[in-house]
Protein backbone atom coordinates (compact mmCIF):
# COMPACT_ATOMS: atom_id res chain seq x y z
CA MET A 1 15.88 119.07 -29.59
CA THR A 2 12.60 118.95 -28.62
CA MET A 3 12.64 118.85 -24.53
CA PRO A 4 11.13 115.57 -23.12
CA GLN A 5 8.06 115.24 -20.69
CA LYS A 6 8.79 112.19 -19.52
CA THR A 7 11.97 109.98 -19.49
CA ALA A 8 12.76 106.58 -18.72
CA VAL A 9 16.00 105.44 -16.33
CA LEU A 10 17.31 102.46 -16.52
CA ASP A 11 19.29 102.58 -13.09
CA ILE A 12 21.11 99.54 -11.82
CA GLY A 13 22.77 98.71 -8.92
CA LYS A 14 25.24 96.24 -7.35
CA THR A 15 21.96 94.74 -5.09
CA ASN A 16 19.15 96.09 -7.33
CA ALA A 17 18.01 96.96 -10.58
CA LYS A 18 15.25 98.94 -11.51
CA VAL A 19 13.66 100.75 -14.65
CA VAL A 20 11.97 104.44 -13.32
CA VAL A 21 10.21 106.96 -15.72
CA LEU A 22 10.17 110.51 -14.59
CA ASP A 23 8.70 113.74 -14.58
CA CYS A 24 10.62 116.09 -16.51
CA ALA A 25 9.03 119.47 -14.83
CA THR A 26 9.21 117.68 -11.42
CA GLY A 27 12.07 115.17 -11.45
CA ALA A 28 9.68 113.18 -9.52
CA GLU A 29 8.78 109.03 -10.18
CA ILE A 30 5.61 108.39 -11.47
CA ALA A 31 6.26 104.90 -12.29
CA GLU A 32 9.08 102.13 -11.13
CA LYS A 33 9.49 98.23 -12.08
CA ARG A 34 12.57 96.64 -9.88
CA THR A 35 14.05 93.25 -9.93
CA ALA A 36 17.18 91.87 -8.06
CA ASN A 37 20.88 92.25 -9.63
CA ARG A 38 21.78 88.29 -9.21
CA VAL A 39 25.49 87.51 -9.26
CA LEU A 40 26.18 83.95 -11.56
CA ALA A 41 28.27 81.24 -9.85
CA GLY A 42 30.47 80.78 -13.06
CA PRO A 43 31.45 79.52 -15.43
CA PRO A 44 34.15 80.92 -15.85
CA TYR A 45 34.12 83.29 -12.73
CA PRO A 46 31.10 85.32 -10.92
CA HIS A 47 29.21 87.71 -13.25
CA TYR A 48 26.41 89.74 -13.60
CA GLY A 49 22.88 87.80 -15.62
CA ILE A 50 23.41 90.27 -18.29
CA GLU A 51 21.06 88.77 -20.54
CA ALA A 52 18.19 88.68 -17.53
CA LEU A 53 18.59 92.20 -16.56
CA TRP A 54 18.10 92.81 -20.68
CA ALA A 55 14.70 91.10 -20.88
CA PHE A 56 13.96 93.08 -17.56
CA THR A 57 14.73 96.18 -19.14
CA LEU A 58 12.38 95.62 -21.80
CA GLU A 59 9.78 94.12 -20.01
CA ALA A 60 9.55 97.16 -18.03
CA LEU A 61 9.99 99.66 -21.20
CA ALA A 62 7.34 97.88 -23.07
CA ALA A 63 5.04 98.16 -19.90
CA PHE A 64 6.06 101.92 -19.56
CA VAL A 65 5.57 102.59 -23.56
CA ARG A 66 1.76 102.12 -23.01
CA GLU A 67 1.29 103.98 -19.12
CA PRO A 68 2.61 106.41 -18.19
CA GLY A 69 4.41 107.25 -21.55
CA PHE A 70 8.25 108.06 -21.94
CA ASP A 71 10.24 110.68 -24.83
CA ALA A 72 13.84 109.99 -23.94
CA ILE A 73 15.88 107.11 -22.07
CA SER A 74 18.78 107.29 -20.10
CA ILE A 75 21.19 105.49 -18.26
CA THR A 76 22.93 105.11 -14.83
CA THR A 77 24.73 102.33 -13.47
CA HIS A 78 27.46 100.97 -10.56
CA GLY A 79 31.00 101.41 -11.10
CA ALA A 80 34.36 99.18 -11.50
CA SER A 81 32.48 97.04 -14.40
CA ALA A 82 33.69 97.44 -17.73
CA VAL A 83 32.52 94.95 -21.21
CA LEU A 84 33.96 93.61 -23.69
CA LEU A 85 32.38 92.73 -26.77
CA ASP A 86 33.82 90.73 -29.77
CA ALA A 87 33.51 92.09 -33.64
CA GLY A 88 30.07 90.98 -33.83
CA GLY A 89 28.71 92.76 -30.95
CA ASN A 90 28.35 89.69 -28.62
CA LEU A 91 30.34 89.59 -24.49
CA ALA A 92 33.98 88.30 -25.54
CA LEU A 93 33.85 87.27 -21.88
CA PRO A 94 31.19 87.55 -19.17
CA VAL A 95 30.87 90.68 -17.37
CA LEU A 96 32.60 89.83 -14.50
CA ASP A 97 31.43 90.58 -10.76
CA TYR A 98 34.03 93.45 -9.05
CA GLU A 99 34.01 91.08 -5.93
CA HIS A 100 35.85 88.24 -6.96
CA GLN A 101 39.45 88.14 -5.87
CA TYR A 102 42.00 87.00 -8.25
CA PRO A 103 44.83 84.85 -7.76
CA GLU A 104 47.63 86.14 -5.98
CA GLU A 105 49.82 85.36 -8.89
CA VAL A 106 47.38 87.55 -10.52
CA ARG A 107 47.63 90.47 -8.40
CA LYS A 108 51.42 90.26 -7.21
CA ALA A 109 51.60 90.62 -11.36
CA TYR A 110 49.07 93.96 -11.62
CA VAL A 111 50.80 95.98 -8.75
CA ALA A 112 53.81 95.84 -11.03
CA LEU A 113 51.43 97.00 -13.66
CA ARG A 114 49.39 100.20 -12.15
CA PRO A 115 50.40 103.63 -12.49
CA PRO A 116 51.06 105.53 -9.26
CA PHE A 117 48.56 107.10 -7.49
CA SER A 118 49.76 110.72 -8.40
CA GLU A 119 48.83 109.75 -11.72
CA THR A 120 45.37 108.60 -11.53
CA PHE A 121 44.24 109.59 -8.20
CA SER A 122 42.78 105.60 -7.85
CA PRO A 123 43.41 103.35 -4.92
CA ALA A 124 44.36 99.70 -4.55
CA LEU A 125 41.66 98.23 -4.10
CA SER A 126 40.61 94.73 -3.76
CA GLY A 127 38.76 92.38 -5.93
CA GLY A 128 37.92 94.29 -9.62
CA LEU A 129 37.29 97.55 -7.43
CA ASN A 130 40.29 98.74 -9.91
CA VAL A 131 38.78 97.73 -13.74
CA GLY A 132 42.76 97.92 -14.24
CA ALA A 133 42.41 94.59 -12.33
CA GLN A 134 39.44 93.24 -14.19
CA LEU A 135 41.05 93.63 -17.63
CA HIS A 136 44.68 91.64 -16.53
CA TYR A 137 43.10 89.36 -15.45
CA GLN A 138 40.74 88.57 -17.80
CA LYS A 139 43.74 89.20 -20.28
CA THR A 140 45.86 86.79 -18.14
CA ALA A 141 43.85 83.96 -17.26
CA PHE A 142 41.26 83.93 -20.65
CA PRO A 143 43.82 84.70 -23.24
CA ASP A 144 41.90 82.55 -26.09
CA GLU A 145 38.70 84.62 -25.28
CA PHE A 146 40.53 88.00 -24.94
CA ALA A 147 42.06 87.60 -28.19
CA ARG A 148 38.35 87.77 -29.34
CA VAL A 149 38.15 91.15 -27.92
CA ARG A 150 37.12 93.97 -30.39
CA THR A 151 35.66 96.86 -27.98
CA ILE A 152 35.52 97.98 -24.51
CA MET A 153 33.02 99.51 -23.16
CA THR A 154 32.22 101.01 -19.34
CA TYR A 155 28.76 99.69 -17.65
CA PRO A 156 26.46 102.72 -18.37
CA GLN A 157 27.57 102.95 -22.18
CA TYR A 158 27.21 99.60 -22.48
CA TRP A 159 23.38 99.53 -22.09
CA ALA A 160 23.13 101.95 -24.19
CA PHE A 161 25.17 100.26 -27.02
CA ARG A 162 22.36 97.19 -26.27
CA LEU A 163 19.36 99.55 -27.01
CA THR A 164 21.71 101.83 -30.06
CA GLY A 165 24.06 99.81 -31.50
CA ILE A 166 26.51 102.66 -30.86
CA ALA A 167 29.91 101.85 -28.67
CA ALA A 168 31.12 104.45 -26.00
CA ASN A 169 32.97 104.94 -23.04
CA GLU A 170 32.10 108.36 -20.60
CA VAL A 171 34.10 109.43 -17.81
CA THR A 172 32.35 109.47 -14.78
CA SER A 173 33.03 105.70 -15.48
CA LEU A 174 36.11 105.93 -16.69
CA GLY A 175 37.32 108.27 -13.59
CA CYS A 176 35.87 105.40 -10.93
CA HIS A 177 38.81 104.18 -9.62
CA THR A 178 39.67 102.08 -12.64
CA ASP A 179 43.47 102.71 -12.86
CA LEU A 180 42.74 104.10 -16.09
CA TRP A 181 42.01 107.69 -15.96
CA ARG A 182 44.03 110.60 -15.60
CA PRO A 183 41.54 112.71 -13.29
CA ARG A 184 43.64 116.53 -13.84
CA ASP A 185 44.51 115.80 -17.35
CA GLY A 186 41.20 114.26 -18.60
CA SER A 187 43.07 111.97 -20.48
CA TYR A 188 43.96 107.51 -20.62
CA SER A 189 46.35 106.74 -18.45
CA SER A 190 49.45 104.79 -18.93
CA LEU A 191 48.20 101.42 -18.71
CA VAL A 192 45.86 101.39 -21.23
CA ASP A 193 49.15 101.15 -23.25
CA ARG A 194 50.64 98.90 -20.99
CA LEU A 195 47.52 96.47 -21.17
CA GLY A 196 48.00 96.98 -24.84
CA ILE A 197 44.55 98.03 -25.13
CA ARG A 198 44.28 102.04 -26.46
CA ASP A 199 42.42 100.68 -29.78
CA LEU A 200 40.17 98.58 -28.32
CA MET A 201 38.46 101.58 -26.04
CA ALA A 202 35.46 102.53 -27.55
CA PRO A 203 34.91 106.51 -28.10
CA VAL A 204 34.88 108.94 -25.28
CA ARG A 205 31.38 110.82 -25.52
CA SER A 206 29.86 112.95 -23.11
CA ALA A 207 27.29 111.94 -20.43
CA PHE A 208 24.63 114.24 -21.99
CA ASP A 209 25.10 112.94 -25.38
CA ALA A 210 22.26 111.20 -27.13
CA LEU A 211 24.22 108.65 -29.24
CA GLY A 212 21.02 107.70 -31.05
CA PRO A 213 17.51 106.33 -31.38
CA VAL A 214 16.50 103.12 -30.22
CA LEU A 215 17.24 100.49 -32.56
CA PRO A 216 14.62 99.57 -35.13
CA GLU A 217 14.29 95.67 -33.74
CA ILE A 218 14.37 97.14 -30.15
CA ALA A 219 11.80 99.32 -31.09
CA GLN A 220 9.56 97.30 -32.46
CA LYS A 221 9.18 95.08 -29.75
CA ILE A 222 9.23 97.26 -26.95
CA GLY A 223 6.31 99.08 -28.77
CA LEU A 224 7.28 102.20 -29.82
CA THR A 225 6.14 104.51 -32.89
CA LYS A 226 8.62 107.13 -32.93
CA PRO A 227 12.14 107.85 -32.76
CA MET A 228 13.53 107.78 -29.40
CA PRO A 229 17.03 108.89 -28.31
CA VAL A 230 18.68 107.46 -25.61
CA HIS A 231 21.46 109.21 -23.55
CA CYS A 232 25.21 107.92 -23.02
CA GLY A 233 24.77 107.37 -19.48
CA ILE A 234 26.51 108.00 -16.27
CA HIS A 235 28.18 106.16 -13.27
CA ASP A 236 25.45 106.14 -10.22
CA SER A 237 27.14 107.89 -7.49
CA ASN A 238 27.73 110.73 -10.52
CA ALA A 239 24.74 111.02 -11.03
CA SER A 240 23.26 111.47 -7.61
CA LEU A 241 26.35 114.16 -7.17
CA LEU A 242 25.12 116.17 -10.91
CA ALA A 243 21.80 117.08 -9.42
CA HIS A 244 23.64 119.54 -6.57
CA LEU A 245 26.13 120.86 -9.25
CA ILE A 246 23.48 122.44 -10.97
CA GLY A 247 22.34 125.43 -8.95
CA ARG A 248 24.33 125.09 -6.00
CA GLU A 249 27.70 127.04 -5.07
CA PRO A 250 30.60 125.00 -3.84
CA PRO A 251 32.24 124.36 -1.39
CA PHE A 252 29.66 121.36 -0.13
CA ALA A 253 29.68 117.63 0.40
CA VAL A 254 27.22 115.23 -0.72
CA VAL A 255 27.12 111.69 0.86
CA SER A 256 25.28 109.75 -1.67
CA THR A 257 24.07 106.22 0.48
CA GLY A 258 23.51 103.30 -1.24
CA THR A 259 25.44 99.61 -1.12
CA TRP A 260 28.43 101.90 -1.14
CA VAL A 261 28.30 105.88 0.94
CA VAL A 262 29.95 108.06 -1.46
CA ASN A 263 31.11 111.21 -0.35
CA PHE A 264 32.08 114.05 -2.65
CA ALA A 265 34.10 117.37 -1.95
CA VAL A 266 32.26 119.77 -4.34
CA GLY A 267 34.62 122.75 -4.58
CA GLY A 268 37.93 120.40 -2.96
CA ASP A 269 41.68 119.62 -4.30
CA LEU A 270 43.23 116.60 -4.54
CA ASP A 271 46.55 117.47 -2.97
CA HIS A 272 45.71 116.15 0.23
CA LEU A 273 44.05 112.17 -0.31
CA ASP A 274 45.10 109.34 0.77
CA PRO A 275 45.76 106.74 -1.27
CA THR A 276 45.95 104.01 2.12
CA ARG A 277 42.51 105.43 3.31
CA ASP A 278 40.03 104.65 0.19
CA THR A 279 40.11 107.98 -0.40
CA LEU A 280 40.07 109.19 -4.48
CA ALA A 281 39.59 111.06 -7.34
CA ASN A 282 35.83 110.83 -9.02
CA VAL A 283 35.20 112.88 -12.30
CA ASP A 284 31.86 114.47 -12.46
CA ALA A 285 29.87 114.52 -15.45
CA TYR A 286 31.46 117.64 -17.09
CA GLY A 287 34.69 115.95 -16.38
CA ARG A 288 35.94 118.08 -13.68
CA ALA A 289 38.20 115.89 -10.74
CA VAL A 290 36.08 115.70 -7.59
CA PRO A 291 38.11 114.45 -4.11
CA SER A 292 35.75 111.77 -3.25
CA SER A 293 36.11 108.90 -0.47
CA ARG A 294 33.73 105.96 0.23
CA PHE A 295 32.90 102.74 2.29
CA MET A 296 30.50 100.19 2.17
CA GLY A 297 28.04 101.77 4.85
CA GLY A 298 25.04 100.15 3.09
CA ARG A 299 26.28 96.60 2.71
CA GLU A 300 27.36 96.83 6.52
CA PHE A 301 23.88 97.83 7.21
CA GLU A 302 22.68 94.55 5.89
CA LEU A 303 24.98 92.62 7.71
CA LEU A 304 23.79 94.46 11.11
CA ALA A 305 20.38 93.82 10.48
CA SER A 306 21.06 90.13 10.00
CA GLU A 307 22.42 89.75 13.59
CA LEU A 308 20.53 92.66 14.94
CA GLY A 309 17.06 92.55 13.58
CA LYS A 310 15.05 94.96 11.95
CA LEU A 311 16.06 98.95 13.27
CA ASN A 312 13.12 100.59 15.68
CA LEU A 313 14.76 104.09 14.77
CA GLU A 314 12.25 105.52 17.84
CA ALA A 315 13.36 102.84 20.06
CA ALA A 316 17.20 103.61 18.70
CA LEU A 317 16.89 107.11 18.92
CA ALA A 318 15.65 107.01 22.48
CA ALA A 319 18.52 104.82 23.56
CA MET A 320 21.34 107.22 22.08
CA PRO A 321 21.62 109.16 25.71
CA LYS A 322 22.52 106.06 27.24
CA VAL A 323 24.86 104.64 24.01
CA ILE A 324 27.30 107.44 24.59
CA GLU A 325 27.68 107.67 28.47
CA LYS A 326 27.90 103.70 28.75
CA ARG A 327 30.52 103.86 25.76
CA ILE A 328 28.81 100.83 23.92
CA MET A 329 30.69 101.03 20.48
CA LEU A 330 31.07 99.22 17.16
CA LEU A 331 34.67 99.54 15.96
CA PRO A 332 35.53 98.99 11.80
CA ASN A 333 35.05 97.21 9.64
CA VAL A 334 31.67 95.00 9.49
CA ALA A 335 32.14 94.43 5.55
CA ALA A 336 35.90 94.24 4.87
CA GLY A 337 37.84 95.24 1.73
CA SER A 338 37.33 99.03 1.61
CA GLY A 339 37.03 102.01 3.72
CA PRO A 340 39.02 104.59 5.43
CA PHE A 341 40.21 102.12 8.04
CA PRO A 342 42.16 98.95 6.38
CA GLY A 343 43.24 96.04 8.28
CA GLN A 344 40.76 96.51 10.95
CA GLU A 345 38.19 94.01 12.31
CA ARG A 346 35.20 94.67 13.56
CA ARG A 347 34.61 94.57 17.04
CA TRP A 348 32.47 95.31 20.02
CA ILE A 349 33.12 97.87 23.05
CA ASN A 350 31.31 97.67 26.43
CA ASP A 351 28.77 95.84 24.99
CA ALA A 352 28.18 93.36 27.63
CA GLY A 353 24.29 93.36 28.27
CA ALA A 354 23.23 95.78 25.82
CA SER A 355 19.60 95.29 24.43
CA PRO A 356 19.34 94.93 20.64
CA ASP A 357 18.25 98.66 20.97
CA GLU A 358 21.39 100.13 22.14
CA ARG A 359 23.33 98.02 19.98
CA TRP A 360 21.35 99.77 16.85
CA ALA A 361 22.18 102.84 18.40
CA ALA A 362 26.02 101.78 18.32
CA ALA A 363 26.13 100.50 15.06
CA CYS A 364 24.46 104.42 13.80
CA LEU A 365 26.76 105.86 15.43
CA TYR A 366 29.37 103.74 14.22
CA LEU A 367 28.06 104.45 10.48
CA ALA A 368 28.24 108.20 10.93
CA LEU A 369 31.55 108.20 12.71
CA MET A 370 32.68 106.41 9.12
CA THR A 371 31.12 109.30 6.94
CA GLU A 372 32.61 111.75 9.43
CA THR A 373 35.66 110.46 8.84
CA CYS A 374 35.49 110.21 5.26
CA LEU A 375 34.36 113.89 4.69
CA ARG A 376 37.37 114.52 7.10
CA LEU A 377 39.91 112.69 5.13
CA ILE A 378 39.07 114.73 1.91
CA GLY A 379 38.63 118.32 3.36
CA ALA A 380 35.02 118.90 3.13
CA LYS A 381 34.00 122.09 4.01
CA GLY A 382 30.44 124.04 3.99
CA PRO A 383 26.88 122.32 4.23
CA VAL A 384 26.38 117.93 3.94
CA LEU A 385 23.56 116.68 2.07
CA VAL A 386 22.69 113.26 2.92
CA GLU A 387 20.58 111.30 0.11
CA GLY A 388 19.68 107.65 -0.13
CA PRO A 389 18.32 105.27 2.39
CA PHE A 390 20.17 106.98 5.52
CA SER A 391 18.94 110.26 4.66
CA SER A 392 15.72 108.28 6.69
CA ASN A 393 17.42 107.59 9.71
CA PRO A 394 17.67 110.15 12.66
CA VAL A 395 19.65 108.50 14.62
CA TYR A 396 22.38 108.78 11.53
CA LEU A 397 21.89 111.96 11.07
CA GLN A 398 21.64 113.53 14.37
CA ALA A 399 25.13 111.80 15.33
CA MET A 400 26.62 113.44 11.99
CA ARG A 401 25.24 116.53 13.05
CA THR A 402 26.75 116.88 16.02
CA LEU A 403 29.89 115.55 14.65
CA LEU A 404 30.23 117.65 12.09
CA GLY A 405 29.43 120.89 13.85
CA ARG A 406 27.80 122.45 10.55
CA GLU A 407 24.43 121.96 8.67
CA VAL A 408 23.47 118.38 7.61
CA ILE A 409 20.55 118.01 4.91
CA ALA A 410 18.47 115.19 4.54
CA LEU A 411 17.03 114.76 0.90
CA PRO A 412 14.08 113.34 0.08
CA GLY A 413 13.91 110.73 -1.82
CA SER A 414 15.32 106.96 -1.78
CA THR A 415 18.23 107.52 -4.24
CA GLY A 416 18.96 110.78 -6.60
CA THR A 417 20.62 108.28 -8.95
CA SER A 418 17.26 107.94 -11.56
CA GLN A 419 16.96 112.09 -10.97
CA GLY A 420 20.86 112.41 -11.93
CA ALA A 421 20.35 110.34 -15.01
CA ALA A 422 17.09 112.14 -15.87
CA LEU A 423 19.12 115.18 -16.11
CA LEU A 424 20.98 114.23 -18.79
CA ALA A 425 18.09 114.40 -21.06
CA GLY A 426 17.49 118.02 -20.37
CA ILE A 427 15.30 118.40 -17.50
CA SER A 428 16.27 120.26 -14.71
CA PRO A 429 14.11 120.17 -12.10
CA GLY A 430 15.99 122.16 -9.79
CA ILE A 431 17.85 122.18 -6.60
CA LYS A 432 16.38 119.82 -3.97
CA GLN A 433 15.79 121.39 -0.80
CA GLY A 434 15.62 119.01 1.67
CA SER A 435 15.18 119.12 5.51
CA SER A 436 17.89 120.39 7.56
CA VAL A 437 18.58 118.25 10.69
CA PRO A 438 18.37 119.29 14.17
CA MET A 439 21.48 119.65 16.67
CA PRO A 440 20.27 116.85 19.25
CA PRO A 441 21.39 117.36 22.94
CA TRP A 442 23.81 114.91 22.66
CA ASP A 443 27.94 115.53 23.41
CA MET A 444 29.91 113.21 21.10
CA GLN A 445 33.13 114.66 21.80
CA HIS A 446 34.72 112.18 24.36
CA TYR A 447 32.90 109.31 22.27
CA ARG A 448 34.28 110.33 19.50
CA ALA A 449 37.67 110.39 20.84
CA VAL A 450 37.40 107.05 22.98
CA TRP A 451 36.36 105.47 19.09
CA ARG A 452 39.42 106.86 17.41
CA SER A 453 41.86 105.78 20.30
CA SER A 454 40.41 102.26 20.23
CA LEU A 455 41.38 101.93 16.63
CA GLY A 456 44.80 102.20 18.05
């Protein structure tokens, strides 16, 4: 297969979707179009605006065919989503928003169905964050519609299906806290048979597979004049991880920041994970289990920004010594429903008279302490690579450096998801070097001890 010179990537995050074109020689993004990923209220339940995303995708691809051009297409999306198709390849039910909360009787019934953590390494999560819970809810609440389902696919592969007509599933999305996968064995879990869906699951393909060319009618619509390979696709956090698995020796950790802060302990083991604290196994693009943890750090940052106003990084950095001295603290959770401190409700400590800059400094310390806790829970060792929006926040980064006491590397660019997805098409931009975060002059040992003891 000829190596592409440019790859177009469809990158659908929980908050935004984009189509980017990357230079295969350098991995650099050379063109981008972006749109909001809106959730429609219903009926029959909150769901993603699939057709709006599809129209955006076609419009962006059509624009990029002309300039700068591309030779292959790859895909990455958020996890915790499954697509149910009928015999005609159309949606049997809308693609459910994973934040939707189900009735109590549905939740209780699912608890009795789901396999133990020791089988799936998937913790019990709220709403539809366990894809198995989504499928149980759809099957229970909408039996007539579910009876028409002929194919179940993971979310990145649905978009590959729209482009190629070829149905597939893939392990990074199946292994992303779905309850449907055995990470140690690389096979479906017992839940698949309990739900009676084994015959509905699309064939499992490698993320690296070129499923097929763009369908002729789609090619004509976007102006393609030659066959265009479409790669199977990958879960977004695992796309970020993939670039670091190529050429970097374990152990090391990756902190992938976006709506979620997802932490990977590369070279770690699964033996000490705690399902009550949002630790889990992810599965990388090669099918290997990776100890992981997470909290909704990007969402928390957005909530804090709505309360505190815009973050002034220079002023917050200058406020750090006073915040540490006064022990101005924010305790979890700003966003409920995930993370290492379940059941905790957010509160401020020693914040009387604190300025907005001091509150922002304390908020960045909170995000760093949450990340450090997540890394400790998965036994992460070696250097810590931070990518995504938090990689440009020196308050967060320097707090991480002193809390961890080992090297923290800030990686350039907004996220690694698009670059990771482009690697599926065969590009090899090499190891991201990033910049080593300097050790600040702050002593945070006592601050951390007080923060932890305040959690009860």
